[in-house]
Amino acid sequence: MYDNAIVSFRKAIELNPDDEAAHYNLGIVYSKKRMYDEAILEYKKVIESNPNLPDVHYNLGVVYREKGMHLQAKREVSLYKKLNSHK
């Protein structure tokens, strides 16, 4: 199931490397497969192009927590809360 999603999102990114949604969704799939390093890379690509998306920061924080990177996780969750408070 997830493998097909990975192929689809990679193809979308190949066609449009700036596709934030494809990078974000690929990050989610990698997270679900516990491919945390890959998920981090995808979430960071989204943040690089649009740092104001709270859910990306939240998901990145969750991945950092899963990897035991608690300071980074705390930073990302703080950004999530800050961005969410401006909605």
PDB file of N, CA and C in Angstrom:
ATOM      1  N   MET A   1       0.825  -1.194   0.000  1.00  0.00           N
ATOM      2  CA  MET A   1       0.000   0.000   0.000  1.00  0.00           C
ATOM      3  C   MET A   1       0.867   1.255   0.000  1.00  0.00           C
ATOM      4  N   TYR A   2       1.755   1.376   0.965  1.00  0.00           N
ATOM      5  CA  TYR A   2       2.597   2.566   1.048  1.00  0.00           C
ATOM      6  C   TYR A   2       3.605   2.630  -0.087  1.00  0.00           C
ATOM      7  N   ASP A   3       4.045   1.475  -0.554  1.00  0.00           N
ATOM      8  CA  ASP A   3       5.031   1.465  -1.634  1.00  0.00           C
ATOM      9  C   ASP A   3       4.472   2.102  -2.902  1.00  0.00           C
ATOM     10  N   ASN A   4       3.209   1.842  -3.196  1.00  0.00           N
ATOM     11  CA  ASN A   4       2.578   2.467  -4.363  1.00  0.00           C
ATOM     12  C   ASN A   4       2.487   3.975  -4.188  1.00  0.00           C
ATOM     13  N   ALA A   5       2.186   4.406  -2.974  1.00  0.00           N
ATOM     14  CA  ALA A   5       2.111   5.842  -2.696  1.00  0.00           C
ATOM     15  C   ALA A   5       3.475   6.494  -2.879  1.00  0.00           C
ATOM     16  N   ILE A   6       4.514   5.828  -2.412  1.00  0.00           N
ATOM     17  CA  ILE A   6       5.870   6.365  -2.575  1.00  0.00           C
ATOM     18  C   ILE A   6       6.189   6.545  -4.054  1.00  0.00           C
ATOM     19  N   VAL A   7       5.881   5.541  -4.854  1.00  0.00           N
ATOM     20  CA  VAL A   7       6.138   5.622  -6.296  1.00  0.00           C
ATOM     21  C   VAL A   7       5.362   6.792  -6.905  1.00  0.00           C
ATOM     22  N   SER A   8       4.103   6.930  -6.530  1.00  0.00           N
ATOM     23  CA  SER A   8       3.264   8.000  -7.089  1.00  0.00           C
ATOM     24  C   SER A   8       3.777   9.382  -6.709  1.00  0.00           C
ATOM     25  N   PHE A   9       4.115   9.565  -5.435  1.00  0.00           N
ATOM     26  CA  PHE A   9       4.590  10.886  -5.004  1.00  0.00           C
ATOM     27  C   PHE A   9       5.960  11.206  -5.591  1.00  0.00           C
ATOM     28  N   ARG A  10       6.814  10.212  -5.719  1.00  0.00           N
ATOM     29  CA  ARG A  10       8.122  10.449  -6.354  1.00  0.00           C
ATOM     30  C   ARG A  10       7.947  10.854  -7.814  1.00  0.00           C
ATOM     31  N   LYS A  11       7.001  10.224  -8.488  1.00  0.00           N
ATOM     32  CA  LYS A  11       6.726  10.570  -9.882  1.00  0.00           C
ATOM     33  C   LYS A  11       6.212  12.006  -9.971  1.00  0.00           C
ATOM     34  N   ALA A  12       5.319  12.376  -9.068  1.00  0.00           N
ATOM     35  CA  ALA A  12       4.805  13.752  -9.051  1.00  0.00           C
ATOM     36  C   ALA A  12       5.939  14.749  -8.832  1.00  0.00           C
ATOM     37  N   ILE A  13       6.858  14.415  -7.939  1.00  0.00           N
ATOM     38  CA  ILE A  13       7.999  15.290  -7.654  1.00  0.00           C
ATOM     39  C   ILE A  13       8.945  15.353  -8.851  1.00  0.00           C
ATOM     40  N   GLU A  14       9.088  14.232  -9.535  1.00  0.00           N
ATOM     41  CA  GLU A  14       9.926  14.210 -10.740  1.00  0.00           C
ATOM     42  C   GLU A  14       9.363  15.163 -11.796  1.00  0.00           C
ATOM     43  N   LEU A  15       8.038  15.182 -11.924  1.00  0.00           N
ATOM     44  CA  LEU A  15       7.384  16.057 -12.894  1.00  0.00           C
ATOM     45  C   LEU A  15       7.380  17.512 -12.442  1.00  0.00           C
ATOM     46  N   ASN A  16       7.292  17.723 -11.129  1.00  0.00           N
ATOM     47  CA  ASN A  16       7.271  19.079 -10.570  1.00  0.00           C
ATOM     48  C   ASN A  16       8.015  19.074  -9.238  1.00  0.00           C
ATOM     49  N   PRO A  17       9.312  19.334  -9.270  1.00  0.00           N
ATOM     50  CA  PRO A  17      10.130  19.271  -8.050  1.00  0.00           C
ATOM     51  C   PRO A  17       9.685  20.230  -6.941  1.00  0.00           C
ATOM     52  N   ASP A  18       8.908  21.254  -7.295  1.00  0.00           N
ATOM     53  CA  ASP A  18       8.451  22.233  -6.303  1.00  0.00           C
ATOM     54  C   ASP A  18       7.067  21.916  -5.745  1.00  0.00           C
ATOM     55  N   ASP A  19       6.554  20.747  -6.009  1.00  0.00           N
ATOM     56  CA  ASP A  19       5.212  20.363  -5.560  1.00  0.00           C
ATOM     57  C   ASP A  19       5.215  20.118  -4.049  1.00  0.00           C
ATOM     58  N   GLU A  20       4.804  21.135  -3.295  1.00  0.00           N
ATOM     59  CA  GLU A  20       4.804  21.044  -1.827  1.00  0.00           C
ATOM     60  C   GLU A  20       3.936  19.901  -1.331  1.00  0.00           C
ATOM     61  N   ALA A  21       2.769  19.738  -1.933  1.00  0.00           N
ATOM     62  CA  ALA A  21       1.846  18.692  -1.482  1.00  0.00           C
ATOM     63  C   ALA A  21       2.456  17.306  -1.668  1.00  0.00           C
ATOM     64  N   ALA A  22       3.142  17.098  -2.771  1.00  0.00           N
ATOM     65  CA  ALA A  22       3.768  15.793  -3.011  1.00  0.00           C
ATOM     66  C   ALA A  22       4.876  15.534  -1.996  1.00  0.00           C
ATOM     67  N   HIS A  23       5.700  16.546  -1.724  1.00  0.00           N
ATOM     68  CA  HIS A  23       6.759  16.385  -0.718  1.00  0.00           C
ATOM     69  C   HIS A  23       6.149  16.120   0.662  1.00  0.00           C
ATOM     70  N   TYR A  24       5.114  16.880   1.008  1.00  0.00           N
ATOM     71  CA  TYR A  24       4.461  16.716   2.309  1.00  0.00           C
ATOM     72  C   TYR A  24       3.872  15.312   2.448  1.00  0.00           C
ATOM     73  N   ASN A  25       3.136  14.892   1.443  1.00  0.00           N
ATOM     74  CA  ASN A  25       2.509  13.568   1.508  1.00  0.00           C
ATOM     75  C   ASN A  25       3.532  12.445   1.475  1.00  0.00           C
ATOM     76  N   LEU A  26       4.619  12.639   0.744  1.00  0.00           N
ATOM     77  CA  LEU A  26       5.693  11.648   0.758  1.00  0.00           C
ATOM     78  C   LEU A  26       6.299  11.573   2.159  1.00  0.00           C
ATOM     79  N   GLY A  27       6.444  12.712   2.815  1.00  0.00           N
ATOM     80  CA  GLY A  27       6.922  12.725   4.199  1.00  0.00           C
ATOM     81  C   GLY A  27       6.004  11.941   5.126  1.00  0.00           C
ATOM     82  N   ILE A  28       4.712  12.097   4.935  1.00  0.00           N
ATOM     83  CA  ILE A  28       3.739  11.356   5.750  1.00  0.00           C
ATOM     84  C   ILE A  28       3.896   9.850   5.530  1.00  0.00           C
ATOM     85  N   VAL A  29       4.002   9.452   4.276  1.00  0.00           N
ATOM     86  CA  VAL A  29       4.151   8.021   3.968  1.00  0.00           C
ATOM     87  C   VAL A  29       5.438   7.483   4.583  1.00  0.00           C
ATOM     88  N   TYR A  30       6.533   8.211   4.419  1.00  0.00           N
ATOM     89  CA  TYR A  30       7.795   7.780   5.023  1.00  0.00           C
ATOM     90  C   TYR A  30       7.657   7.672   6.545  1.00  0.00           C
ATOM     91  N   SER A  31       6.956   8.614   7.152  1.00  0.00           N
ATOM     92  CA  SER A  31       6.750   8.559   8.610  1.00  0.00           C
ATOM     93  C   SER A  31       6.004   7.291   9.005  1.00  0.00           C
ATOM     94  N   LYS A  32       4.959   6.984   8.265  1.00  0.00           N
ATOM     95  CA  LYS A  32       4.166   5.792   8.570  1.00  0.00           C
ATOM     96  C   LYS A  32       4.980   4.510   8.408  1.00  0.00           C
ATOM     97  N   LYS A  33       5.942   4.537   7.481  1.00  0.00           N
ATOM     98  CA  LYS A  33       6.815   3.373   7.273  1.00  0.00           C
ATOM     99  C   LYS A  33       8.025   3.395   8.212  1.00  0.00           C
ATOM    100  N   ARG A  34       8.063   4.384   9.081  1.00  0.00           N
ATOM    101  CA  ARG A  34       9.180   4.587  10.020  1.00  0.00           C
ATOM    102  C   ARG A  34      10.507   4.817   9.290  1.00  0.00           C
ATOM    103  N   MET A  35      10.411   5.424   8.142  1.00  0.00           N
ATOM    104  CA  MET A  35      11.591   5.833   7.371  1.00  0.00           C
ATOM    105  C   MET A  35      11.837   7.303   7.725  1.00  0.00           C
ATOM    106  N   TYR A  36      12.279   7.500   8.965  1.00  0.00           N
ATOM    107  CA  TYR A  36      12.297   8.839   9.540  1.00  0.00           C
ATOM    108  C   TYR A  36      13.280   9.790   8.868  1.00  0.00           C
ATOM    109  N   ASP A  37      14.434   9.323   8.486  1.00  0.00           N
ATOM    110  CA  ASP A  37      15.396  10.214   7.829  1.00  0.00           C
ATOM    111  C   ASP A  37      14.832  10.741   6.509  1.00  0.00           C
ATOM    112  N   GLU A  38      14.179   9.873   5.767  1.00  0.00           N
ATOM    113  CA  GLU A  38      13.571  10.281   4.510  1.00  0.00           C
ATOM    114  C   GLU A  38      12.426  11.262   4.760  1.00  0.00           C
ATOM    115  N   ALA A  39      11.629  10.999   5.797  1.00  0.00           N
ATOM    116  CA  ALA A  39      10.523  11.898   6.139  1.00  0.00           C
ATOM    117  C   ALA A  39      11.047  13.285   6.485  1.00  0.00           C
ATOM    118  N   ILE A  40      12.115  13.340   7.266  1.00  0.00           N
ATOM    119  CA  ILE A  40      12.708  14.626   7.640  1.00  0.00           C
ATOM    120  C   ILE A  40      13.113  15.407   6.394  1.00  0.00           C
ATOM    121  N   LEU A  41      13.752  14.743   5.458  1.00  0.00           N
ATOM    122  CA  LEU A  41      14.173  15.423   4.227  1.00  0.00           C
ATOM    123  C   LEU A  41      12.982  16.006   3.470  1.00  0.00           C
ATOM    124  N   GLU A  42      11.910  15.247   3.382  1.00  0.00           N
ATOM    125  CA  GLU A  42      10.731  15.730   2.646  1.00  0.00           C
ATOM    126  C   GLU A  42      10.071  16.894   3.366  1.00  0.00           C
ATOM    127  N   TYR A  43       9.917  16.789   4.680  1.00  0.00           N
ATOM    128  CA  TYR A  43       9.312  17.892   5.430  1.00  0.00           C
ATOM    129  C   TYR A  43      10.168  19.150   5.337  1.00  0.00           C
ATOM    130  N   LYS A  44      11.481  18.995   5.387  1.00  0.00           N
ATOM    131  CA  LYS A  44      12.370  20.156   5.284  1.00  0.00           C
ATOM    132  C   LYS A  44      12.269  20.818   3.912  1.00  0.00           C
ATOM    133  N   LYS A  45      12.038  20.039   2.871  1.00  0.00           N
ATOM    134  CA  LYS A  45      11.865  20.619   1.533  1.00  0.00           C
ATOM    135  C   LYS A  45      10.619  21.499   1.490  1.00  0.00           C
ATOM    136  N   VAL A  46       9.560  21.050   2.154  1.00  0.00           N
ATOM    137  CA  VAL A  46       8.339  21.854   2.200  1.00  0.00           C
ATOM    138  C   VAL A  46       8.594  23.136   2.990  1.00  0.00           C
ATOM    139  N   ILE A  47       9.220  23.005   4.150  1.00  0.00           N
ATOM    140  CA  ILE A  47       9.487  24.167   5.000  1.00  0.00           C
ATOM    141  C   ILE A  47      10.398  25.165   4.287  1.00  0.00           C
ATOM    142  N   GLU A  48      11.331  24.650   3.509  1.00  0.00           N
ATOM    143  CA  GLU A  48      12.239  25.514   2.752  1.00  0.00           C
ATOM    144  C   GLU A  48      11.465  26.420   1.794  1.00  0.00           C
ATOM    145  N   SER A  49      10.445  25.882   1.159  1.00  0.00           N
ATOM    146  CA  SER A  49       9.674  26.685   0.209  1.00  0.00           C
ATOM    147  C   SER A  49       8.517  27.433   0.867  1.00  0.00           C
ATOM    148  N   ASN A  50       8.011  26.916   1.982  1.00  0.00           N
ATOM    149  CA  ASN A  50       6.912  27.581   2.681  1.00  0.00           C
ATOM    150  C   ASN A  50       7.003  27.278   4.176  1.00  0.00           C
ATOM    151  N   PRO A  51       7.686  28.134   4.931  1.00  0.00           N
ATOM    152  CA  PRO A  51       7.893  27.878   6.360  1.00  0.00           C
ATOM    153  C   PRO A  51       6.671  28.144   7.237  1.00  0.00           C
ATOM    154  N   ASN A  52       5.569  28.565   6.643  1.00  0.00           N
ATOM    155  CA  ASN A  52       4.400  28.960   7.430  1.00  0.00           C
ATOM    156  C   ASN A  52       3.274  27.938   7.442  1.00  0.00           C
ATOM    157  N   LEU A  53       3.598  26.688   7.203  1.00  0.00           N
ATOM    158  CA  LEU A  53       2.587  25.623   7.231  1.00  0.00           C
ATOM    159  C   LEU A  53       2.697  24.870   8.553  1.00  0.00           C
ATOM    160  N   PRO A  54       1.779  25.127   9.480  1.00  0.00           N
ATOM    161  CA  PRO A  54       1.911  24.542  10.821  1.00  0.00           C
ATOM    162  C   PRO A  54       1.956  23.019  10.847  1.00  0.00           C
ATOM    163  N   ASP A  55       1.155  22.355  10.025  1.00  0.00           N
ATOM    164  CA  ASP A  55       1.099  20.892  10.076  1.00  0.00           C
ATOM    165  C   ASP A  55       2.424  20.239   9.698  1.00  0.00           C
ATOM    166  N   VAL A  56       3.175  20.885   8.828  1.00  0.00           N
ATOM    167  CA  VAL A  56       4.481  20.343   8.445  1.00  0.00           C
ATOM    168  C   VAL A  56       5.421  20.386   9.648  1.00  0.00           C
ATOM    169  N   HIS A  57       5.394  21.493  10.384  1.00  0.00           N
ATOM    170  CA  HIS A  57       6.235  21.606  11.582  1.00  0.00           C
ATOM    171  C   HIS A  57       5.818  20.569  12.633  1.00  0.00           C
ATOM    172  N   TYR A  58       4.515  20.374  12.779  1.00  0.00           N
ATOM    173  CA  TYR A  58       4.036  19.385  13.744  1.00  0.00           C
ATOM    174  C   TYR A  58       4.530  17.986  13.370  1.00  0.00           C
ATOM    175  N   ASN A  59       4.340  17.611  12.109  1.00  0.00           N
ATOM    176  CA  ASN A  59       4.759  16.274  11.675  1.00  0.00           C
ATOM    177  C   ASN A  59       6.265  16.093  11.795  1.00  0.00           C
ATOM    178  N   LEU A  60       7.018  17.139  11.477  1.00  0.00           N
ATOM    179  CA  LEU A  60       8.469  17.068  11.628  1.00  0.00           C
ATOM    180  C   LEU A  60       8.828  16.889  13.101  1.00  0.00           C
ATOM    181  N   GLY A  61       8.116  17.583  13.978  1.00  0.00           N
ATOM    182  CA  GLY A  61       8.342  17.418  15.412  1.00  0.00           C
ATOM    183  C   GLY A  61       8.082  15.997  15.883  1.00  0.00           C
ATOM    184  N   VAL A  62       7.035  15.393  15.366  1.00  0.00           N
ATOM    185  CA  VAL A  62       6.713  14.002  15.723  1.00  0.00           C
ATOM    186  C   VAL A  62       7.838  13.066  15.280  1.00  0.00           C
ATOM    187  N   VAL A  63       8.333  13.278  14.072  1.00  0.00           N
ATOM    188  CA  VAL A  63       9.420  12.433  13.564  1.00  0.00           C
ATOM    189  C   VAL A  63      10.673  12.614  14.421  1.00  0.00           C
ATOM    190  N   TYR A  64      10.994  13.859  14.742  1.00  0.00           N
ATOM    191  CA  TYR A  64      12.154  14.102  15.603  1.00  0.00           C
ATOM    192  C   TYR A  64      11.984  13.399  16.951  1.00  0.00           C
ATOM    193  N   ARG A  65      10.785  13.455  17.506  1.00  0.00           N
ATOM    194  CA  ARG A  65      10.532  12.776  18.786  1.00  0.00           C
ATOM    195  C   ARG A  65      10.752  11.273  18.652  1.00  0.00           C
ATOM    196  N   GLU A  66      10.260  10.699  17.571  1.00  0.00           N
ATOM    197  CA  GLU A  66      10.433   9.262  17.344  1.00  0.00           C
ATOM    198  C   GLU A  66      11.906   8.882  17.239  1.00  0.00           C
ATOM    199  N   LYS A  67      12.723   9.789  16.735  1.00  0.00           N
ATOM    200  CA  LYS A  67      14.159   9.540  16.607  1.00  0.00           C
ATOM    201  C   LYS A  67      14.919   9.883  17.886  1.00  0.00           C
ATOM    202  N   GLY A  68      14.202  10.368  18.911  1.00  0.00           N
ATOM    203  CA  GLY A  68      14.854  10.731  20.163  1.00  0.00           C
ATOM    204  C   GLY A  68      15.532  12.089  20.114  1.00  0.00           C
ATOM    205  N   MET A  69      15.192  12.891  19.131  1.00  0.00           N
ATOM    206  CA  MET A  69      15.777  14.224  18.956  1.00  0.00           C
ATOM    207  C   MET A  69      14.844  15.248  19.607  1.00  0.00           C
ATOM    208  N   HIS A  70      14.847  15.256  20.934  1.00  0.00           N
ATOM    209  CA  HIS A  70      13.834  15.983  21.694  1.00  0.00           C
ATOM    210  C   HIS A  70      13.929  17.499  21.573  1.00  0.00           C
ATOM    211  N   LEU A  71      15.123  18.047  21.492  1.00  0.00           N
ATOM    212  CA  LEU A  71      15.246  19.503  21.339  1.00  0.00           C
ATOM    213  C   LEU A  71      14.663  19.963  20.007  1.00  0.00           C
ATOM    214  N   GLN A  72      14.978  19.241  18.948  1.00  0.00           N
ATOM    215  CA  GLN A  72      14.440  19.578  17.633  1.00  0.00           C
ATOM    216  C   GLN A  72      12.921  19.402  17.614  1.00  0.00           C
ATOM    217  N   ALA A  73      12.448  18.342  18.266  1.00  0.00           N
ATOM    218  CA  ALA A  73      11.006  18.097  18.331  1.00  0.00           C
ATOM    219  C   ALA A  73      10.307  19.246  19.037  1.00  0.00           C
ATOM    220  N   LYS A  74      10.869  19.677  20.137  1.00  0.00           N
ATOM    221  CA  LYS A  74      10.270  20.777  20.905  1.00  0.00           C
ATOM    222  C   LYS A  74      10.232  22.056  20.076  1.00  0.00           C
ATOM    223  N   ARG A  75      11.314  22.323  19.351  1.00  0.00           N
ATOM    224  CA  ARG A  75      11.373  23.519  18.508  1.00  0.00           C
ATOM    225  C   ARG A  75      10.274  23.487  17.440  1.00  0.00           C
ATOM    226  N   GLU A  76      10.103  22.349  16.799  1.00  0.00           N
ATOM    227  CA  GLU A  76       9.106  22.248  15.729  1.00  0.00           C
ATOM    228  C   GLU A  76       7.679  22.351  16.271  1.00  0.00           C
ATOM    229  N   VAL A  77       7.423  21.741  17.418  1.00  0.00           N
ATOM    230  CA  VAL A  77       6.084  21.831  18.003  1.00  0.00           C
ATOM    231  C   VAL A  77       5.804  23.267  18.447  1.00  0.00           C
ATOM    232  N   SER A  78       6.820  23.966  18.935  1.00  0.00           N
ATOM    233  CA  SER A  78       6.654  25.382  19.293  1.00  0.00           C
ATOM    234  C   SER A  78       6.302  26.212  18.060  1.00  0.00           C
ATOM    235  N   LEU A  79       6.980  25.946  16.962  1.00  0.00           N
ATOM    236  CA  LEU A  79       6.656  26.649  15.712  1.00  0.00           C
ATOM    237  C   LEU A  79       5.233  26.329  15.265  1.00  0.00           C
ATOM    238  N   TYR A  80       4.854  25.077  15.400  1.00  0.00           N
ATOM    239  CA  TYR A  80       3.487  24.669  15.062  1.00  0.00           C
ATOM    240  C   TYR A  80       2.474  25.479  15.870  1.00  0.00           C
ATOM    241  N   LYS A  81       2.690  25.565  17.175  1.00  0.00           N
ATOM    242  CA  LYS A  81       1.760  26.305  18.041  1.00  0.00           C
ATOM    243  C   LYS A  81       1.727  27.784  17.673  1.00  0.00           C
ATOM    244  N   LYS A  82       2.891  28.358  17.423  1.00  0.00           N
ATOM    245  CA  LYS A  82       2.969  29.775  17.057  1.00  0.00           C
ATOM    246  C   LYS A  82       2.215  30.037  15.754  1.00  0.00           C
ATOM    247  N   LEU A  83       2.452  29.214  14.752  1.00  0.00           N
ATOM    248  CA  LEU A  83       1.783  29.398  13.463  1.00  0.00           C
ATOM    249  C   LEU A  83       0.284  29.139  13.563  1.00  0.00           C
ATOM    250  N   ASN A  84      -0.103  28.192  14.383  1.00  0.00           N
ATOM    251  CA  ASN A  84      -1.525  27.868  14.551  1.00  0.00           C
ATOM    252  C   ASN A  84      -2.269  28.971  15.285  1.00  0.00           C
ATOM    253  N   SER A  85      -1.576  29.709  16.134  1.00  0.00           N
ATOM    254  CA  SER A  85      -2.233  30.774  16.901  1.00  0.00           C
ATOM    255  C   SER A  85      -2.570  31.973  16.019  1.00  0.00           C
ATOM    256  N   HIS A  86      -1.985  32.045  14.836  1.00  0.00           N
ATOM    257  CA  HIS A  86      -2.231  33.162  13.926  1.00  0.00           C
ATOM    258  C   HIS A  86      -3.341  32.883  12.925  1.00  0.00           C
ATOM    259  N   LYS A  87      -3.981  31.753  13.044  1.00  0.00           N
ATOM    260  CA  LYS A  87      -5.066  31.408  12.100  1.00  0.00           C
ATOM    261  C   LYS A  87      -6.307  32.206  12.392  1.00  0.00           C
TER     262      LYS A  87
END
